Amino acid sequence: MMSEHTSSCASGPHARTRLWASVALGAAILLTATGCAPEADVTDASSGTTQSPSATPKPTKTPTKTPATPAPTTEQPAAPIVLPACADLVTEQQARELGGQDSYVLLDDEVVASMSDFLTQNTLGAAANAALGGASQTVSCGWGIPNSGAYTQAYASVLDPAVQSALRTELDASDFVRGTEGSATTYALAIPGGIANQFVWYAFDGDVWVAEIGVIEQPGFGRAVLASVQAANPNGLAQ
């Protein structure tokens, strides 16, 4: 009798409630044990940040040096040598003083040309004539007493170095007496004559050659011509 009462109690409402509670508890324990419990909603803080791909560093470009452009030269070509006119080479006053007479004057071009022809044929040697012919510039002047034997011929010429060298080589091997006056190298020669002696005087300064031929022993005209050419070219007589 006791066993039947117990059995009937177990089948009542309270018995069913306890049964469902036991089933639910067992299911919860089973899920937890098997790892089937729902995962916690955890957000990785790092997942919210977008990682940009690492940038590959670009190779450093070495600057190329541009070759320096050479500065334009400021050096100017040498100015041509200036040879003044005859009246400026020797003034009227100088001509009278150097000639020793008031009638010693600058001769006209026709007389100068005629005298130059005579001197090149009879007085100047082959080397001097070649130098005159090869000069890049020449001024030929004459002073004297008209219609007399008193005369002085002078030349001022610009010579290339090779032409000057050839002439001076001949002079060094001749009877000319070599000397120095200031910056100039001089050569002098006295030529005996039947009526009067003739005197030849040369001076070389830079590229300029001055020649005096006449009957006056002292080369005053030649020196005056050289001084005037030097004064007209303050930067020197080299081209």
Protein backbone atom coordinates (compact mmCIF):
# COMPACT_ATOMS: atom_id res chain seq x y z
CA MET A 1 0.00 0.00 0.00
CA MET A 2 2.81 2.37 0.82
CA SER A 3 4.41 1.84 -2.61
CA GLU A 4 1.28 2.69 -4.53
CA HIS A 5 0.93 6.04 -2.69
CA THR A 6 4.41 6.96 -3.54
CA SER A 7 3.88 6.14 -7.17
CA SER A 8 0.79 8.26 -7.40
CA CYS A 9 2.53 11.25 -5.87
CA ALA A 10 5.26 11.10 -8.41
CA SER A 11 2.84 11.35 -11.25
CA GLY A 12 1.20 14.58 -9.95
CA PRO A 13 1.74 18.19 -11.11
CA HIS A 14 4.61 18.88 -8.77
CA ALA A 15 6.36 15.77 -9.90
CA ARG A 16 6.20 16.92 -13.55
CA THR A 17 7.60 20.34 -12.68
CA ARG A 18 10.56 18.86 -10.95
CA LEU A 19 11.11 16.55 -13.90
CA TRP A 20 11.26 19.41 -16.43
CA ALA A 21 13.60 21.37 -14.20
CA SER A 22 15.90 18.41 -13.99
CA VAL A 23 15.82 17.99 -17.77
CA ALA A 24 16.57 21.69 -18.37
CA LEU A 25 19.43 21.67 -15.91
CA GLY A 26 20.88 18.56 -17.47
CA ALA A 27 20.65 20.07 -20.95
CA ALA A 28 22.44 23.22 -19.80
CA ILE A 29 25.19 21.16 -18.22
CA LEU A 30 25.47 19.09 -21.41
CA LEU A 31 25.74 22.14 -23.69
CA THR A 32 28.35 23.71 -21.47
CA ALA A 33 30.38 20.51 -21.35
CA THR A 34 30.29 19.97 -25.11
CA GLY A 35 31.26 23.60 -25.94
CA CYS A 36 27.95 24.31 -27.68
CA ALA A 37 27.21 27.26 -25.50
CA PRO A 38 26.79 30.47 -27.58
CA GLU A 39 30.04 32.49 -27.92
CA ALA A 40 30.31 35.81 -26.22
CA ASP A 41 29.82 38.75 -28.59
CA VAL A 42 33.37 40.08 -28.30
CA THR A 43 34.60 42.46 -30.96
CA ASP A 44 38.33 42.54 -31.58
CA ALA A 45 39.37 46.13 -31.14
CA SER A 46 41.98 45.68 -33.76
CA SER A 47 39.40 44.54 -36.31
CA GLY A 48 38.04 48.05 -36.55
CA THR A 49 41.36 49.40 -37.87
CA THR A 50 42.14 48.93 -41.56
CA GLN A 51 45.75 48.01 -42.05
CA SER A 52 47.17 49.62 -45.17
CA PRO A 53 49.67 47.53 -47.03
CA SER A 54 53.21 48.48 -46.14
CA ALA A 55 54.49 50.97 -48.72
CA THR A 56 57.61 49.93 -50.58
CA PRO A 57 60.16 52.78 -50.20
CA LYS A 58 61.14 54.34 -53.50
CA PRO A 59 64.84 54.33 -54.31
CA THR A 60 66.55 57.64 -53.63
CA LYS A 61 67.45 59.38 -56.86
CA THR A 62 70.94 60.79 -56.83
CA PRO A 63 70.86 64.30 -58.29
CA THR A 64 72.88 64.64 -61.44
CA LYS A 65 75.21 67.60 -61.47
CA THR A 66 74.88 69.72 -64.57
CA PRO A 67 78.30 70.54 -65.96
CA ALA A 68 79.11 74.15 -65.31
CA THR A 69 78.91 76.26 -68.42
CA PRO A 70 82.21 78.05 -68.89
CA ALA A 71 81.88 81.76 -68.51
CA PRO A 72 82.24 83.60 -71.78
CA THR A 73 85.61 85.10 -72.19
CA THR A 74 85.77 88.81 -71.80
CA GLU A 75 89.12 89.16 -73.42
CA GLN A 76 88.89 91.35 -76.47
CA PRO A 77 91.10 90.94 -79.51
CA ALA A 78 93.99 93.36 -79.66
CA ALA A 79 93.17 96.60 -81.41
CA PRO A 80 95.07 97.28 -84.63
CA ILE A 81 98.15 99.45 -84.31
CA VAL A 82 97.55 103.08 -85.20
CA LEU A 83 100.05 104.78 -87.51
CA PRO A 84 99.48 108.56 -87.48
CA ALA A 85 99.72 110.69 -90.62
CA CYS A 86 103.05 112.25 -91.60
CA ALA A 87 102.11 115.70 -90.31
CA ASP A 88 101.36 114.14 -86.91
CA LEU A 89 104.44 111.94 -86.82
CA VAL A 90 106.75 114.95 -87.13
CA THR A 91 105.37 118.46 -86.70
CA GLU A 92 106.51 121.44 -88.78
CA GLN A 93 108.39 122.83 -85.81
CA GLN A 94 110.15 119.52 -85.23
CA ALA A 95 111.07 119.27 -88.91
CA ARG A 96 112.75 122.67 -88.88
CA GLU A 97 114.61 121.89 -85.69
CA LEU A 98 115.75 118.44 -86.78
CA GLY A 99 116.69 119.61 -90.29
CA GLY A 100 118.61 122.57 -88.94
CA GLN A 101 116.96 125.04 -91.33
CA ASP A 102 113.62 126.82 -91.48
CA SER A 103 113.18 125.62 -95.07
CA TYR A 104 113.25 121.95 -94.00
CA VAL A 105 109.60 121.00 -94.56
CA LEU A 106 107.28 118.08 -95.19
CA LEU A 107 107.53 117.12 -98.87
CA ASP A 108 104.48 116.47 -101.03
CA ASP A 109 103.31 112.96 -101.88
CA GLU A 110 104.72 112.96 -105.42
CA VAL A 111 108.23 113.80 -104.25
CA VAL A 112 107.99 111.23 -101.44
CA ALA A 113 106.91 108.50 -103.87
CA SER A 114 109.76 109.34 -106.25
CA MET A 115 112.33 109.33 -103.44
CA SER A 116 110.95 106.04 -102.11
CA ASP A 117 111.45 104.39 -105.50
CA PHE A 118 115.03 105.65 -105.63
CA LEU A 119 115.84 104.37 -102.13
CA THR A 120 114.31 100.93 -102.64
CA GLN A 121 116.39 100.46 -105.78
CA ASN A 122 119.69 101.91 -104.54
CA THR A 123 119.85 101.91 -100.75
CA LEU A 124 117.53 99.37 -99.15
CA GLY A 125 118.64 95.76 -99.39
CA ALA A 126 116.55 92.77 -100.43
CA ALA A 127 115.49 91.93 -96.86
CA ALA A 128 114.31 95.49 -96.16
CA ASN A 129 112.41 95.66 -99.44
CA ALA A 130 110.77 92.30 -98.69
CA ALA A 131 109.73 93.57 -95.26
CA LEU A 132 108.20 96.72 -96.75
CA GLY A 133 106.33 94.62 -99.29
CA GLY A 134 105.07 92.25 -96.58
CA ALA A 135 104.00 94.92 -94.08
CA SER A 136 100.34 94.99 -93.07
CA GLN A 137 100.51 98.80 -92.73
CA THR A 138 103.04 101.37 -93.89
CA VAL A 139 103.23 105.16 -93.74
CA SER A 140 105.92 106.73 -95.93
CA CYS A 141 106.96 110.33 -95.27
CA GLY A 142 109.66 112.71 -96.52
CA TRP A 143 111.12 115.98 -95.29
CA GLY A 144 113.76 118.19 -96.83
CA ILE A 145 114.57 121.36 -98.71
CA PRO A 146 112.68 121.36 -102.02
CA ASN A 147 114.87 121.19 -105.16
CA SER A 148 117.99 120.33 -103.18
CA GLY A 149 119.90 117.30 -102.02
CA ALA A 150 118.80 117.79 -98.42
CA TYR A 151 116.22 115.14 -97.63
CA THR A 152 115.11 112.62 -95.03
CA GLN A 153 112.84 109.67 -95.79
CA ALA A 154 111.04 107.78 -93.02
CA TYR A 155 108.84 104.70 -92.91
CA ALA A 156 106.62 103.39 -90.14
CA SER A 157 105.45 99.83 -90.79
CA VAL A 158 103.60 97.06 -88.96
CA LEU A 159 105.27 93.69 -89.55
CA ASP A 160 104.13 90.17 -88.85
CA PRO A 161 106.52 88.38 -86.46
CA ALA A 162 107.85 86.08 -89.20
CA VAL A 163 108.57 89.00 -91.53
CA GLN A 164 110.30 90.96 -88.79
CA SER A 165 112.33 87.93 -87.73
CA ALA A 166 113.60 87.39 -91.27
CA LEU A 167 114.67 91.04 -91.58
CA ARG A 168 116.42 91.14 -88.22
CA THR A 169 118.26 87.92 -88.97
CA GLU A 170 119.71 89.58 -92.09
CA LEU A 171 120.59 92.73 -90.16
CA ASP A 172 122.37 90.77 -87.42
CA ALA A 173 124.55 89.17 -90.07
CA SER A 174 125.32 92.49 -91.82
CA ASP A 175 127.44 95.60 -91.14
CA PHE A 176 124.62 97.30 -89.24
CA VAL A 177 125.49 98.23 -85.66
CA ARG A 178 122.91 96.94 -83.23
CA GLY A 179 121.84 98.96 -80.19
CA THR A 180 118.99 99.62 -77.76
CA GLU A 181 116.98 102.77 -77.15
CA GLY A 182 114.29 102.40 -74.53
CA SER A 183 112.02 99.50 -75.51
CA ALA A 184 113.32 99.50 -79.09
CA THR A 185 116.13 97.55 -80.71
CA THR A 186 118.02 99.70 -83.21
CA TYR A 187 120.33 99.12 -86.17
CA ALA A 188 122.49 101.89 -87.69
CA LEU A 189 124.68 102.05 -90.81
CA ALA A 190 126.64 104.85 -92.52
CA ILE A 191 127.02 104.52 -96.29
CA PRO A 192 129.86 106.65 -97.77
CA GLY A 193 128.85 108.73 -100.80
CA GLY A 194 130.58 110.86 -103.40
CA ILE A 195 128.92 114.11 -102.39
CA ALA A 196 127.53 113.25 -98.96
CA ASN A 197 127.29 110.23 -96.76
CA GLN A 198 123.98 108.47 -96.37
CA PHE A 199 122.72 107.24 -93.02
CA VAL A 200 120.29 104.40 -92.41
CA TRP A 201 118.65 103.85 -89.02
CA TYR A 202 116.11 101.16 -88.08
CA ALA A 203 114.16 100.68 -84.86
CA PHE A 204 111.98 97.71 -83.85
CA ASP A 205 109.46 97.98 -81.03
CA GLY A 206 106.81 95.29 -80.75
CA ASP A 207 105.43 94.77 -84.24
CA VAL A 208 106.46 98.21 -85.47
CA TRP A 209 109.47 98.91 -87.64
CA VAL A 210 110.62 102.51 -88.13
CA ALA A 211 113.22 103.32 -90.78
CA GLU A 212 115.03 106.60 -91.50
CA ILE A 213 117.26 107.15 -94.54
CA GLY A 214 118.86 110.54 -95.19
CA VAL A 215 121.88 112.79 -95.13
CA ILE A 216 121.61 113.72 -91.44
CA GLU A 217 123.83 111.60 -89.22
CA GLN A 218 121.66 111.75 -86.11
CA PRO A 219 118.39 109.87 -86.60
CA GLY A 220 116.22 112.58 -85.10
CA PHE A 221 113.36 112.08 -87.55
CA GLY A 222 113.28 108.34 -86.95
CA ARG A 223 113.19 108.81 -83.20
CA ALA A 224 110.41 111.40 -83.49
CA VAL A 225 108.38 109.03 -85.68
CA LEU A 226 108.82 106.16 -83.20
CA ALA A 227 107.81 108.38 -80.26
CA SER A 228 104.64 109.50 -82.07
CA VAL A 229 103.66 105.91 -82.89
CA GLN A 230 104.23 104.87 -79.27
CA ALA A 231 102.10 107.78 -78.04
CA ALA A 232 99.28 106.83 -80.41
CA ASN A 233 99.26 103.26 -79.02
CA PRO A 234 99.34 103.50 -75.21
CA ASN A 235 98.60 99.78 -74.85
CA GLY A 236 101.78 98.81 -76.64
CA LEU A 237 102.94 98.03 -80.15
CA ALA A 238 102.25 94.29 -80.18
CA GLN A 239 99.24 93.08 -82.16
